[in-house]
Amino acid sequence: MNNRTRTVLIVDDDPQVLRLVEKMLRPRSVKILLAPKPSDALLICQGEVVDLLISDLAMPEMDGTRLAERVLKLHPDAAVLLISGYFKDPPAAAKSAQMRFLRKPFFPSQLLECLRDLLPG
């Protein structure tokens, strides 16, 4: 059985959201990486194994769906949680077992439920 610490990459262009999600995940046994831009996230993904990408959907450089596609090419076994305060409905891709959608604002319990679903074990 693989007992390595799982890595969660959080990407959001809003620094307050970035820190809030980090704070919600801090008590969990995960390694947390932060990226304020999709380009920063892609650089991180080249040097780190990412188990879960948590990304805002609406960002200036590229949207979260496109970022997720690129991250999944680098890490095909990763899971994705897309978050948004602008979109009410999840993108079609977020209906797969590997990808989920969470509408902002959300409670820590909702985020942790997604974490349990996407990173079982």
PDB file of N, CA and C in Angstrom:
ATOM      1  N   MET A   1       0.842  -1.197   0.000  1.00  0.00           N
ATOM      2  CA  MET A   1       0.000   0.000   0.000  1.00  0.00           C
ATOM      3  C   MET A   1       0.881   1.253   0.000  1.00  0.00           C
ATOM      4  N   ASN A   2       0.480   2.257  -0.743  1.00  0.00           N
ATOM      5  CA  ASN A   2       1.241   3.484  -0.865  1.00  0.00           C
ATOM      6  C   ASN A   2       0.805   4.467   0.216  1.00  0.00           C
ATOM      7  N   ASN A   3       1.708   4.805   1.120  1.00  0.00           N
ATOM      8  CA  ASN A   3       1.381   5.709   2.217  1.00  0.00           C
ATOM      9  C   ASN A   3       1.987   7.090   2.036  1.00  0.00           C
ATOM     10  N   ARG A   4       2.400   7.424   0.830  1.00  0.00           N
ATOM     11  CA  ARG A   4       3.019   8.739   0.633  1.00  0.00           C
ATOM     12  C   ARG A   4       1.988   9.845   0.844  1.00  0.00           C
ATOM     13  N   THR A   5       2.480  10.983   1.253  1.00  0.00           N
ATOM     14  CA  THR A   5       1.614  12.140   1.461  1.00  0.00           C
ATOM     15  C   THR A   5       1.099  12.618   0.118  1.00  0.00           C
ATOM     16  N   ARG A   6      -0.186  12.843   0.029  1.00  0.00           N
ATOM     17  CA  ARG A   6      -0.793  13.341  -1.208  1.00  0.00           C
ATOM     18  C   ARG A   6      -0.528  14.831  -1.342  1.00  0.00           C
ATOM     19  N   THR A   7      -0.391  15.272  -2.586  1.00  0.00           N
ATOM     20  CA  THR A   7      -0.116  16.679  -2.870  1.00  0.00           C
ATOM     21  C   THR A   7      -1.329  17.333  -3.501  1.00  0.00           C
ATOM     22  N   VAL A   8      -1.723  18.468  -2.930  1.00  0.00           N
ATOM     23  CA  VAL A   8      -2.859  19.248  -3.421  1.00  0.00           C
ATOM     24  C   VAL A   8      -2.323  20.590  -3.921  1.00  0.00           C
ATOM     25  N   LEU A   9      -2.613  20.901  -5.164  1.00  0.00           N
ATOM     26  CA  LEU A   9      -2.222  22.182  -5.764  1.00  0.00           C
ATOM     27  C   LEU A   9      -3.465  23.058  -5.862  1.00  0.00           C
ATOM     28  N   ILE A  10      -3.416  24.225  -5.216  1.00  0.00           N
ATOM     29  CA  ILE A  10      -4.537  25.164  -5.213  1.00  0.00           C
ATOM     30  C   ILE A  10      -4.175  26.332  -6.126  1.00  0.00           C
ATOM     31  N   VAL A  11      -5.074  26.636  -7.075  1.00  0.00           N
ATOM     32  CA  VAL A  11      -4.822  27.709  -8.045  1.00  0.00           C
ATOM     33  C   VAL A  11      -6.008  28.658  -8.039  1.00  0.00           C
ATOM     34  N   ASP A  12      -5.739  29.905  -7.708  1.00  0.00           N
ATOM     35  CA  ASP A  12      -6.792  30.932  -7.730  1.00  0.00           C
ATOM     36  C   ASP A  12      -6.124  32.286  -7.850  1.00  0.00           C
ATOM     37  N   ASP A  13      -6.657  33.147  -8.705  1.00  0.00           N
ATOM     38  CA  ASP A  13      -6.072  34.475  -8.886  1.00  0.00           C
ATOM     39  C   ASP A  13      -6.450  35.432  -7.760  1.00  0.00           C
ATOM     40  N   ASP A  14      -7.353  35.033  -6.886  1.00  0.00           N
ATOM     41  CA  ASP A  14      -7.737  35.835  -5.716  1.00  0.00           C
ATOM     42  C   ASP A  14      -6.934  35.343  -4.514  1.00  0.00           C
ATOM     43  N   PRO A  15      -5.986  36.153  -4.010  1.00  0.00           N
ATOM     44  CA  PRO A  15      -5.123  35.710  -2.912  1.00  0.00           C
ATOM     45  C   PRO A  15      -5.905  35.323  -1.652  1.00  0.00           C
ATOM     46  N   GLN A  16      -7.036  35.985  -1.415  1.00  0.00           N
ATOM     47  CA  GLN A  16      -7.839  35.660  -0.224  1.00  0.00           C
ATOM     48  C   GLN A  16      -8.434  34.258  -0.339  1.00  0.00           C
ATOM     49  N   VAL A  17      -8.926  33.902  -1.504  1.00  0.00           N
ATOM     50  CA  VAL A  17      -9.488  32.565  -1.713  1.00  0.00           C
ATOM     51  C   VAL A  17      -8.382  31.526  -1.610  1.00  0.00           C
ATOM     52  N   LEU A  18      -7.242  31.825  -2.197  1.00  0.00           N
ATOM     53  CA  LEU A  18      -6.091  30.922  -2.156  1.00  0.00           C
ATOM     54  C   LEU A  18      -5.740  30.589  -0.702  1.00  0.00           C
ATOM     55  N   ARG A  19      -5.628  31.592   0.124  1.00  0.00           N
ATOM     56  CA  ARG A  19      -5.259  31.400   1.537  1.00  0.00           C
ATOM     57  C   ARG A  19      -6.385  30.736   2.330  1.00  0.00           C
ATOM     58  N   LEU A  20      -7.628  31.061   2.007  1.00  0.00           N
ATOM     59  CA  LEU A  20      -8.760  30.461   2.707  1.00  0.00           C
ATOM     60  C   LEU A  20      -8.831  28.951   2.447  1.00  0.00           C
ATOM     61  N   VAL A  21      -8.686  28.554   1.194  1.00  0.00           N
ATOM     62  CA  VAL A  21      -8.710  27.120   0.863  1.00  0.00           C
ATOM     63  C   VAL A  21      -7.516  26.428   1.509  1.00  0.00           C
ATOM     64  N   GLU A  22      -6.368  27.088   1.482  1.00  0.00           N
ATOM     65  CA  GLU A  22      -5.189  26.520   2.151  1.00  0.00           C
ATOM     66  C   GLU A  22      -5.476  26.306   3.638  1.00  0.00           C
ATOM     67  N   LYS A  23      -6.069  27.292   4.268  1.00  0.00           N
ATOM     68  CA  LYS A  23      -6.379  27.198   5.703  1.00  0.00           C
ATOM     69  C   LYS A  23      -7.360  26.053   5.982  1.00  0.00           C
ATOM     70  N   MET A  24      -8.345  25.869   5.093  1.00  0.00           N
ATOM     71  CA  MET A  24      -9.317  24.788   5.266  1.00  0.00           C
ATOM     72  C   MET A  24      -8.644  23.415   5.171  1.00  0.00           C
ATOM     73  N   LEU A  25      -7.619  23.302   4.327  1.00  0.00           N
ATOM     74  CA  LEU A  25      -6.952  22.019   4.107  1.00  0.00           C
ATOM     75  C   LEU A  25      -5.785  21.767   5.064  1.00  0.00           C
ATOM     76  N   ARG A  26      -5.306  22.815   5.717  1.00  0.00           N
ATOM     77  CA  ARG A  26      -4.112  22.707   6.567  1.00  0.00           C
ATOM     78  C   ARG A  26      -4.206  21.565   7.592  1.00  0.00           C
ATOM     79  N   PRO A  27      -5.354  21.336   8.252  1.00  0.00           N
ATOM     80  CA  PRO A  27      -5.403  20.241   9.241  1.00  0.00           C
ATOM     81  C   PRO A  27      -5.339  18.834   8.627  1.00  0.00           C
ATOM     82  N   ARG A  28      -5.491  18.721   7.326  1.00  0.00           N
ATOM     83  CA  ARG A  28      -5.446  17.416   6.659  1.00  0.00           C
ATOM     84  C   ARG A  28      -4.011  16.988   6.434  1.00  0.00           C
ATOM     85  N   SER A  29      -3.823  15.710   6.243  1.00  0.00           N
ATOM     86  CA  SER A  29      -2.481  15.163   6.011  1.00  0.00           C
ATOM     87  C   SER A  29      -2.147  15.222   4.529  1.00  0.00           C
ATOM     88  N   VAL A  30      -2.056  16.429   3.999  1.00  0.00           N
ATOM     89  CA  VAL A  30      -1.716  16.619   2.591  1.00  0.00           C
ATOM     90  C   VAL A  30      -0.641  17.693   2.479  1.00  0.00           C
ATOM     91  N   LYS A  31       0.155  17.580   1.428  1.00  0.00           N
ATOM     92  CA  LYS A  31       1.115  18.631   1.098  1.00  0.00           C
ATOM     93  C   LYS A  31       0.363  19.649   0.259  1.00  0.00           C
ATOM     94  N   ILE A  32       0.444  20.917   0.632  1.00  0.00           N
ATOM     95  CA  ILE A  32      -0.306  21.965  -0.056  1.00  0.00           C
ATOM     96  C   ILE A  32       0.654  22.857  -0.830  1.00  0.00           C
ATOM     97  N   LEU A  33       0.353  23.027  -2.116  1.00  0.00           N
ATOM     98  CA  LEU A  33       1.105  23.935  -2.979  1.00  0.00           C
ATOM     99  C   LEU A  33       0.149  25.012  -3.468  1.00  0.00           C
ATOM    100  N   LEU A  34       0.625  26.239  -3.587  1.00  0.00           N
ATOM    101  CA  LEU A  34      -0.215  27.361  -3.997  1.00  0.00           C
ATOM    102  C   LEU A  34       0.312  27.994  -5.274  1.00  0.00           C
ATOM    103  N   ALA A  35      -0.631  28.389  -6.140  1.00  0.00           N
ATOM    104  CA  ALA A  35      -0.258  29.092  -7.373  1.00  0.00           C
ATOM    105  C   ALA A  35      -1.297  30.179  -7.638  1.00  0.00           C
ATOM    106  N   PRO A  36      -0.860  31.438  -7.772  1.00  0.00           N
ATOM    107  CA  PRO A  36      -1.795  32.519  -8.052  1.00  0.00           C
ATOM    108  C   PRO A  36      -2.191  32.629  -9.526  1.00  0.00           C
ATOM    109  N   LYS A  37      -1.465  31.894 -10.401  1.00  0.00           N
ATOM    110  CA  LYS A  37      -1.752  31.946 -11.833  1.00  0.00           C
ATOM    111  C   LYS A  37      -1.628  30.546 -12.426  1.00  0.00           C
ATOM    112  N   PRO A  38      -2.384  30.266 -13.483  1.00  0.00           N
ATOM    113  CA  PRO A  38      -2.261  28.973 -14.155  1.00  0.00           C
ATOM    114  C   PRO A  38      -0.839  28.674 -14.641  1.00  0.00           C
ATOM    115  N   SER A  39      -0.126  29.683 -15.131  1.00  0.00           N
ATOM    116  CA  SER A  39       1.239  29.447 -15.602  1.00  0.00           C
ATOM    117  C   SER A  39       2.138  28.997 -14.450  1.00  0.00           C
ATOM    118  N   ASP A  40       1.936  29.549 -13.262  1.00  0.00           N
ATOM    119  CA  ASP A  40       2.696  29.110 -12.084  1.00  0.00           C
ATOM    120  C   ASP A  40       2.342  27.663 -11.749  1.00  0.00           C
ATOM    121  N   ALA A  41       1.069  27.320 -11.864  1.00  0.00           N
ATOM    122  CA  ALA A  41       0.615  25.954 -11.572  1.00  0.00           C
ATOM    123  C   ALA A  41       1.274  24.957 -12.513  1.00  0.00           C
ATOM    124  N   LEU A  42       1.360  25.295 -13.781  1.00  0.00           N
ATOM    125  CA  LEU A  42       1.972  24.391 -14.755  1.00  0.00           C
ATOM    126  C   LEU A  42       3.458  24.199 -14.483  1.00  0.00           C
ATOM    127  N   LEU A  43       4.135  25.251 -14.050  1.00  0.00           N
ATOM    128  CA  LEU A  43       5.550  25.122 -13.682  1.00  0.00           C
ATOM    129  C   LEU A  43       5.706  24.183 -12.484  1.00  0.00           C
ATOM    130  N   ILE A  44       4.830  24.334 -11.502  1.00  0.00           N
ATOM    131  CA  ILE A  44       4.861  23.463 -10.324  1.00  0.00           C
ATOM    132  C   ILE A  44       4.641  22.012 -10.742  1.00  0.00           C
ATOM    133  N   CYS A  45       3.695  21.794 -11.641  1.00  0.00           N
ATOM    134  CA  CYS A  45       3.353  20.436 -12.081  1.00  0.00           C
ATOM    135  C   CYS A  45       4.497  19.740 -12.801  1.00  0.00           C
ATOM    136  N   GLN A  46       5.410  20.504 -13.352  1.00  0.00           N
ATOM    137  CA  GLN A  46       6.557  19.905 -14.030  1.00  0.00           C
ATOM    138  C   GLN A  46       7.565  19.327 -13.044  1.00  0.00           C
ATOM    139  N   GLY A  47       7.559  19.838 -11.803  1.00  0.00           N
ATOM    140  CA  GLY A  47       8.528  19.380 -10.824  1.00  0.00           C
ATOM    141  C   GLY A  47       7.950  18.630  -9.642  1.00  0.00           C
ATOM    142  N   GLU A  48       6.640  18.579  -9.552  1.00  0.00           N
ATOM    143  CA  GLU A  48       5.972  17.939  -8.413  1.00  0.00           C
ATOM    144  C   GLU A  48       4.919  16.962  -8.911  1.00  0.00           C
ATOM    145  N   VAL A  49       4.730  15.889  -8.176  1.00  0.00           N
ATOM    146  CA  VAL A  49       3.603  14.988  -8.438  1.00  0.00           C
ATOM    147  C   VAL A  49       2.380  15.624  -7.795  1.00  0.00           C
ATOM    148  N   VAL A  50       1.336  15.842  -8.574  1.00  0.00           N
ATOM    149  CA  VAL A  50       0.109  16.461  -8.072  1.00  0.00           C
ATOM    150  C   VAL A  50      -0.993  15.410  -8.065  1.00  0.00           C
ATOM    151  N   ASP A  51      -1.576  15.218  -6.894  1.00  0.00           N
ATOM    152  CA  ASP A  51      -2.667  14.243  -6.750  1.00  0.00           C
ATOM    153  C   ASP A  51      -4.033  14.889  -6.912  1.00  0.00           C
ATOM    154  N   LEU A  52      -4.139  16.160  -6.516  1.00  0.00           N
ATOM    155  CA  LEU A  52      -5.403  16.883  -6.623  1.00  0.00           C
ATOM    156  C   LEU A  52      -5.128  18.324  -7.007  1.00  0.00           C
ATOM    157  N   LEU A  53      -5.798  18.772  -8.056  1.00  0.00           N
ATOM    158  CA  LEU A  53      -5.770  20.178  -8.469  1.00  0.00           C
ATOM    159  C   LEU A  53      -7.080  20.805  -8.024  1.00  0.00           C
ATOM    160  N   ILE A  54      -6.988  21.865  -7.243  1.00  0.00           N
ATOM    161  CA  ILE A  54      -8.165  22.665  -6.894  1.00  0.00           C
ATOM    162  C   ILE A  54      -7.977  23.987  -7.609  1.00  0.00           C
ATOM    163  N   SER A  55      -8.860  24.282  -8.562  1.00  0.00           N
ATOM    164  CA  SER A  55      -8.664  25.464  -9.394  1.00  0.00           C
ATOM    165  C   SER A  55      -9.946  26.261  -9.562  1.00  0.00           C
ATOM    166  N   ASP A  56      -9.778  27.573  -9.526  1.00  0.00           N
ATOM    167  CA  ASP A  56     -10.861  28.479  -9.881  1.00  0.00           C
ATOM    168  C   ASP A  56     -11.157  28.280 -11.365  1.00  0.00           C
ATOM    169  N   LEU A  57     -12.403  28.466 -11.730  1.00  0.00           N
ATOM    170  CA  LEU A  57     -12.773  28.345 -13.146  1.00  0.00           C
ATOM    171  C   LEU A  57     -12.444  29.606 -13.928  1.00  0.00           C
ATOM    172  N   ALA A  58     -12.705  30.781 -13.349  1.00  0.00           N
ATOM    173  CA  ALA A  58     -12.537  32.045 -14.065  1.00  0.00           C
ATOM    174  C   ALA A  58     -11.242  32.730 -13.629  1.00  0.00           C
ATOM    175  N   MET A  59     -10.236  32.643 -14.514  1.00  0.00           N
ATOM    176  CA  MET A  59      -8.948  33.294 -14.240  1.00  0.00           C
ATOM    177  C   MET A  59      -8.474  33.981 -15.513  1.00  0.00           C
ATOM    178  N   PRO A  60      -7.664  35.039 -15.379  1.00  0.00           N
ATOM    179  CA  PRO A  60      -7.235  35.804 -16.550  1.00  0.00           C
ATOM    180  C   PRO A  60      -6.421  35.024 -17.583  1.00  0.00           C
ATOM    181  N   GLU A  61      -5.430  34.258 -17.188  1.00  0.00           N
ATOM    182  CA  GLU A  61      -4.541  33.602 -18.158  1.00  0.00           C
ATOM    183  C   GLU A  61      -5.232  32.481 -18.932  1.00  0.00           C
ATOM    184  N   MET A  62      -5.943  31.628 -18.222  1.00  0.00           N
ATOM    185  CA  MET A  62      -6.696  30.544 -18.842  1.00  0.00           C
ATOM    186  C   MET A  62      -7.717  30.072 -17.832  1.00  0.00           C
ATOM    187  N   ASP A  63      -8.813  29.514 -18.331  1.00  0.00           N
ATOM    188  CA  ASP A  63      -9.839  29.073 -17.391  1.00  0.00           C
ATOM    189  C   ASP A  63      -9.430  27.755 -16.730  1.00  0.00           C
ATOM    190  N   GLY A  64     -10.115  27.444 -15.650  1.00  0.00           N
ATOM    191  CA  GLY A  64      -9.783  26.264 -14.872  1.00  0.00           C
ATOM    192  C   GLY A  64      -9.952  24.958 -15.626  1.00  0.00           C
ATOM    193  N   THR A  65     -10.898  24.902 -16.549  1.00  0.00           N
ATOM    194  CA  THR A  65     -11.101  23.683 -17.330  1.00  0.00           C
ATOM    195  C   THR A  65      -9.896  23.414 -18.223  1.00  0.00           C
ATOM    196  N   ARG A  66      -9.415  24.438 -18.866  1.00  0.00           N
ATOM    197  CA  ARG A  66      -8.231  24.290 -19.733  1.00  0.00           C
ATOM    198  C   ARG A  66      -6.996  23.941 -18.906  1.00  0.00           C
ATOM    199  N   LEU A  67      -6.851  24.595 -17.752  1.00  0.00           N
ATOM    200  CA  LEU A  67      -5.738  24.267 -16.856  1.00  0.00           C
ATOM    201  C   LEU A  67      -5.823  22.802 -16.429  1.00  0.00           C
ATOM    202  N   ALA A  68      -7.023  22.349 -16.072  1.00  0.00           N
ATOM    203  CA  ALA A  68      -7.208  20.956 -15.653  1.00  0.00           C
ATOM    204  C   ALA A  68      -6.787  19.988 -16.754  1.00  0.00           C
ATOM    205  N   GLU A  69      -7.161  20.290 -17.980  1.00  0.00           N
ATOM    206  CA  GLU A  69      -6.768  19.436 -19.114  1.00  0.00           C
ATOM    207  C   GLU A  69      -5.251  19.326 -19.214  1.00  0.00           C
ATOM    208  N   ARG A  70      -4.578  20.440 -19.051  1.00  0.00           N
ATOM    209  CA  ARG A  70      -3.107  20.449 -19.164  1.00  0.00           C
ATOM    210  C   ARG A  70      -2.445  19.728 -17.997  1.00  0.00           C
ATOM    211  N   VAL A  71      -3.005  19.911 -16.798  1.00  0.00           N
ATOM    212  CA  VAL A  71      -2.456  19.224 -15.630  1.00  0.00           C
ATOM    213  C   VAL A  71      -2.666  17.718 -15.757  1.00  0.00           C
ATOM    214  N   LEU A  72      -3.837  17.311 -16.248  1.00  0.00           N
ATOM    215  CA  LEU A  72      -4.124  15.888 -16.395  1.00  0.00           C
ATOM    216  C   LEU A  72      -3.242  15.228 -17.461  1.00  0.00           C
ATOM    217  N   LYS A  73      -2.764  15.996 -18.422  1.00  0.00           N
ATOM    218  CA  LYS A  73      -1.809  15.441 -19.392  1.00  0.00           C
ATOM    219  C   LYS A  73      -0.480  15.128 -18.706  1.00  0.00           C
ATOM    220  N   LEU A  74      -0.107  15.974 -17.751  1.00  0.00           N
ATOM    221  CA  LEU A  74       1.137  15.758 -17.013  1.00  0.00           C
ATOM    222  C   LEU A  74       0.971  14.703 -15.918  1.00  0.00           C
ATOM    223  N   HIS A  75      -0.208  14.663 -15.309  1.00  0.00           N
ATOM    224  CA  HIS A  75      -0.493  13.762 -14.185  1.00  0.00           C
ATOM    225  C   HIS A  75      -1.847  13.086 -14.417  1.00  0.00           C
ATOM    226  N   PRO A  76      -1.899  12.069 -15.272  1.00  0.00           N
ATOM    227  CA  PRO A  76      -3.168  11.439 -15.652  1.00  0.00           C
ATOM    228  C   PRO A  76      -3.972  10.838 -14.497  1.00  0.00           C
ATOM    229  N   ASP A  77      -3.310  10.515 -13.388  1.00  0.00           N
ATOM    230  CA  ASP A  77      -4.019   9.931 -12.248  1.00  0.00           C
ATOM    231  C   ASP A  77      -4.523  10.983 -11.258  1.00  0.00           C
ATOM    232  N   ALA A  78      -4.255  12.245 -11.532  1.00  0.00           N
ATOM    233  CA  ALA A  78      -4.686  13.309 -10.625  1.00  0.00           C
ATOM    234  C   ALA A  78      -6.207  13.475 -10.679  1.00  0.00           C
ATOM    235  N   ALA A  79      -6.736  14.057  -9.619  1.00  0.00           N
ATOM    236  CA  ALA A  79      -8.148  14.422  -9.563  1.00  0.00           C
ATOM    237  C   ALA A  79      -8.230  15.947  -9.631  1.00  0.00           C
ATOM    238  N   VAL A  80      -9.417  16.456  -9.965  1.00  0.00           N
ATOM    239  CA  VAL A  80      -9.589  17.900 -10.138  1.00  0.00           C
ATOM    240  C   VAL A  80     -10.864  18.355  -9.436  1.00  0.00           C
ATOM    241  N   LEU A  81     -10.741  19.450  -8.700  1.00  0.00           N
ATOM    242  CA  LEU A  81     -11.896  20.116  -8.115  1.00  0.00           C
ATOM    243  C   LEU A  81     -11.914  21.532  -8.663  1.00  0.00           C
ATOM    244  N   LEU A  82     -12.922  21.837  -9.474  1.00  0.00           N
ATOM    245  CA  LEU A  82     -13.077  23.180 -10.026  1.00  0.00           C
ATOM    246  C   LEU A  82     -14.012  23.953  -9.114  1.00  0.00           C
ATOM    247  N   ILE A  83     -13.630  25.199  -8.798  1.00  0.00           N
ATOM    248  CA  ILE A  83     -14.448  26.044  -7.928  1.00  0.00           C
ATOM    249  C   ILE A  83     -14.762  27.347  -8.647  1.00  0.00           C
ATOM    250  N   SER A  84     -15.934  27.899  -8.360  1.00  0.00           N
ATOM    251  CA  SER A  84     -16.297  29.157  -9.014  1.00  0.00           C
ATOM    252  C   SER A  84     -17.420  29.864  -8.275  1.00  0.00           C
ATOM    253  N   GLY A  85     -17.323  31.160  -8.255  1.00  0.00           N
ATOM    254  CA  GLY A  85     -18.392  32.002  -7.747  1.00  0.00           C
ATOM    255  C   GLY A  85     -19.186  32.626  -8.881  1.00  0.00           C
ATOM    256  N   TYR A  86     -18.696  32.470 -10.109  1.00  0.00           N
ATOM    257  CA  TYR A  86     -19.351  33.063 -11.269  1.00  0.00           C
ATOM    258  C   TYR A  86     -20.280  32.091 -11.979  1.00  0.00           C
ATOM    259  N   PHE A  87     -19.880  30.842 -12.043  1.00  0.00           N
ATOM    260  CA  PHE A  87     -20.659  29.846 -12.767  1.00  0.00           C
ATOM    261  C   PHE A  87     -21.553  29.088 -11.804  1.00  0.00           C
ATOM    262  N   LYS A  88     -22.815  28.969 -12.146  1.00  0.00           N
ATOM    263  CA  LYS A  88     -23.751  28.243 -11.289  1.00  0.00           C
ATOM    264  C   LYS A  88     -23.745  26.755 -11.588  1.00  0.00           C
ATOM    265  N   ASP A  89     -23.536  26.422 -12.837  1.00  0.00           N
ATOM    266  CA  ASP A  89     -23.563  25.020 -13.247  1.00  0.00           C
ATOM    267  C   ASP A  89     -22.158  24.531 -13.537  1.00  0.00           C
ATOM    268  N   PRO A  90     -21.892  23.280 -13.201  1.00  0.00           N
ATOM    269  CA  PRO A  90     -20.552  22.744 -13.463  1.00  0.00           C
ATOM    270  C   PRO A  90     -20.320  22.544 -14.950  1.00  0.00           C
ATOM    271  N   PRO A  91     -19.063  22.686 -15.379  1.00  0.00           N
ATOM    272  CA  PRO A  91     -18.755  22.358 -16.771  1.00  0.00           C
ATOM    273  C   PRO A  91     -18.977  20.863 -16.992  1.00  0.00           C
ATOM    274  N   ALA A  92     -19.195  20.469 -18.223  1.00  0.00           N
ATOM    275  CA  ALA A  92     -19.478  19.066 -18.548  1.00  0.00           C
ATOM    276  C   ALA A  92     -18.391  18.132 -18.022  1.00  0.00           C
ATOM    277  N   ALA A  93     -17.136  18.555 -18.091  1.00  0.00           N
ATOM    278  CA  ALA A  93     -16.028  17.712 -17.643  1.00  0.00           C
ATOM    279  C   ALA A  93     -16.091  17.420 -16.149  1.00  0.00           C
ATOM    280  N   ALA A  94     -16.724  18.294 -15.385  1.00  0.00           N
ATOM    281  CA  ALA A  94     -16.771  18.144 -13.929  1.00  0.00           C
ATOM    282  C   ALA A  94     -17.768  17.088 -13.474  1.00  0.00           C
ATOM    283  N   LYS A  95     -18.354  16.401 -14.411  1.00  0.00           N
ATOM    284  CA  LYS A  95     -19.309  15.356 -14.048  1.00  0.00           C
ATOM    285  C   LYS A  95     -18.681  13.967 -14.102  1.00  0.00           C
ATOM    286  N   SER A  96     -17.360  13.924 -14.250  1.00  0.00           N
ATOM    287  CA  SER A  96     -16.667  12.634 -14.295  1.00  0.00           C
ATOM    288  C   SER A  96     -16.238  12.242 -12.880  1.00  0.00           C
ATOM    289  N   ALA A  97     -15.831  10.996 -12.720  1.00  0.00           N
ATOM    290  CA  ALA A  97     -15.380  10.508 -11.413  1.00  0.00           C
ATOM    291  C   ALA A  97     -14.090  11.194 -10.980  1.00  0.00           C
ATOM    292  N   GLN A  98     -13.320  11.668 -11.943  1.00  0.00           N
ATOM    293  CA  GLN A  98     -12.017  12.272 -11.678  1.00  0.00           C
ATOM    294  C   GLN A  98     -12.117  13.774 -11.400  1.00  0.00           C
ATOM    295  N   MET A  99     -13.283  14.366 -11.673  1.00  0.00           N
ATOM    296  CA  MET A  99     -13.416  15.812 -11.578  1.00  0.00           C
ATOM    297  C   MET A  99     -14.732  16.184 -10.902  1.00  0.00           C
ATOM    298  N   ARG A 100     -14.672  17.205 -10.050  1.00  0.00           N
ATOM    299  CA  ARG A 100     -15.865  17.698  -9.356  1.00  0.00           C
ATOM    300  C   ARG A 100     -15.928  19.223  -9.482  1.00  0.00           C
ATOM    301  N   PHE A 101     -17.093  19.772  -9.103  1.00  0.00           N
ATOM    302  CA  PHE A 101     -17.319  21.212  -9.129  1.00  0.00           C
ATOM    303  C   PHE A 101     -17.900  21.638  -7.785  1.00  0.00           C
ATOM    304  N   LEU A 102     -17.418  22.756  -7.272  1.00  0.00           N
ATOM    305  CA  LEU A 102     -17.916  23.304  -6.011  1.00  0.00           C
ATOM    306  C   LEU A 102     -18.138  24.798  -6.201  1.00  0.00           C
ATOM    307  N   ARG A 103     -19.340  25.230  -5.893  1.00  0.00           N
ATOM    308  CA  ARG A 103     -19.699  26.635  -6.067  1.00  0.00           C
ATOM    309  C   ARG A 103     -19.272  27.450  -4.853  1.00  0.00           C
ATOM    310  N   LYS A 104     -18.629  28.592  -5.103  1.00  0.00           N
ATOM    311  CA  LYS A 104     -18.269  29.541  -4.046  1.00  0.00           C
ATOM    312  C   LYS A 104     -19.496  30.364  -3.692  1.00  0.00           C
ATOM    313  N   PRO A 105     -19.663  30.761  -2.476  1.00  0.00           N
ATOM    314  CA  PRO A 105     -18.877  30.355  -1.311  1.00  0.00           C
ATOM    315  C   PRO A 105     -19.278  28.951  -0.865  1.00  0.00           C
ATOM    316  N   PHE A 106     -18.361  28.271  -0.232  1.00  0.00           N
ATOM    317  CA  PHE A 106     -18.640  26.927   0.259  1.00  0.00           C
ATOM    318  C   PHE A 106     -18.150  26.808   1.696  1.00  0.00           C
ATOM    319  N   PHE A 107     -18.710  25.838   2.388  1.00  0.00           N
ATOM    320  CA  PHE A 107     -18.321  25.576   3.768  1.00  0.00           C
ATOM    321  C   PHE A 107     -17.108  24.643   3.776  1.00  0.00           C
ATOM    322  N   PRO A 108     -16.280  24.713   4.806  1.00  0.00           N
ATOM    323  CA  PRO A 108     -15.154  23.787   4.902  1.00  0.00           C
ATOM    324  C   PRO A 108     -15.598  22.326   4.804  1.00  0.00           C
ATOM    325  N   SER A 109     -16.739  22.000   5.366  1.00  0.00           N
ATOM    326  CA  SER A 109     -17.213  20.606   5.320  1.00  0.00           C
ATOM    327  C   SER A 109     -17.466  20.154   3.882  1.00  0.00           C
ATOM    328  N   GLN A 110     -17.934  21.060   3.019  1.00  0.00           N
ATOM    329  CA  GLN A 110     -18.158  20.718   1.613  1.00  0.00           C
ATOM    330  C   GLN A 110     -16.829  20.462   0.903  1.00  0.00           C
ATOM    331  N   LEU A 111     -15.846  21.296   1.188  1.00  0.00           N
ATOM    332  CA  LEU A 111     -14.524  21.119   0.592  1.00  0.00           C
ATOM    333  C   LEU A 111     -13.904  19.804   1.053  1.00  0.00           C
ATOM    334  N   LEU A 112     -14.023  19.502   2.329  1.00  0.00           N
ATOM    335  CA  LEU A 112     -13.436  18.269   2.860  1.00  0.00           C
ATOM    336  C   LEU A 112     -14.151  17.033   2.341  1.00  0.00           C
ATOM    337  N   GLU A 113     -15.444  17.132   2.088  1.00  0.00           N
ATOM    338  CA  GLU A 113     -16.172  16.017   1.486  1.00  0.00           C
ATOM    339  C   GLU A 113     -15.640  15.739   0.071  1.00  0.00           C
ATOM    340  N   CYS A 114     -15.414  16.792  -0.690  1.00  0.00           N
ATOM    341  CA  CYS A 114     -14.831  16.627  -2.031  1.00  0.00           C
ATOM    342  C   CYS A 114     -13.432  16.033  -1.935  1.00  0.00           C
ATOM    343  N   LEU A 115     -12.664  16.476  -0.961  1.00  0.00           N
ATOM    344  CA  LEU A 115     -11.318  15.947  -0.772  1.00  0.00           C
ATOM    345  C   LEU A 115     -11.375  14.444  -0.495  1.00  0.00           C
ATOM    346  N   ARG A 116     -12.296  14.014   0.363  1.00  0.00           N
ATOM    347  CA  ARG A 116     -12.447  12.584   0.674  1.00  0.00           C
ATOM    348  C   ARG A 116     -12.865  11.806  -0.572  1.00  0.00           C
ATOM    349  N   ASP A 117     -13.771  12.369  -1.366  1.00  0.00           N
ATOM    350  CA  ASP A 117     -14.230  11.683  -2.583  1.00  0.00           C
ATOM    351  C   ASP A 117     -13.113  11.567  -3.627  1.00  0.00           C
ATOM    352  N   LEU A 118     -12.349  12.627  -3.781  1.00  0.00           N
ATOM    353  CA  LEU A 118     -11.340  12.664  -4.839  1.00  0.00           C
ATOM    354  C   LEU A 118     -10.003  12.037  -4.454  1.00  0.00           C
ATOM    355  N   LEU A 119      -9.739  11.982  -3.145  1.00  0.00           N
ATOM    356  CA  LEU A 119      -8.491  11.373  -2.655  1.00  0.00           C
ATOM    357  C   LEU A 119      -8.841  10.297  -1.610  1.00  0.00           C
ATOM    358  N   PRO A 120      -9.480   9.231  -2.027  1.00  0.00           N
ATOM    359  CA  PRO A 120      -9.867   8.206  -1.049  1.00  0.00           C
ATOM    360  C   PRO A 120      -8.637   7.517  -0.437  1.00  0.00           C
ATOM    361  N   GLY A 121      -8.856   6.992   0.755  1.00  0.00           N
ATOM    362  CA  GLY A 121      -7.790   6.219   1.390  1.00  0.00           C
ATOM    363  C   GLY A 121      -6.973   6.957   2.327  1.00  0.00           C
TER     364      GLY A 121
END
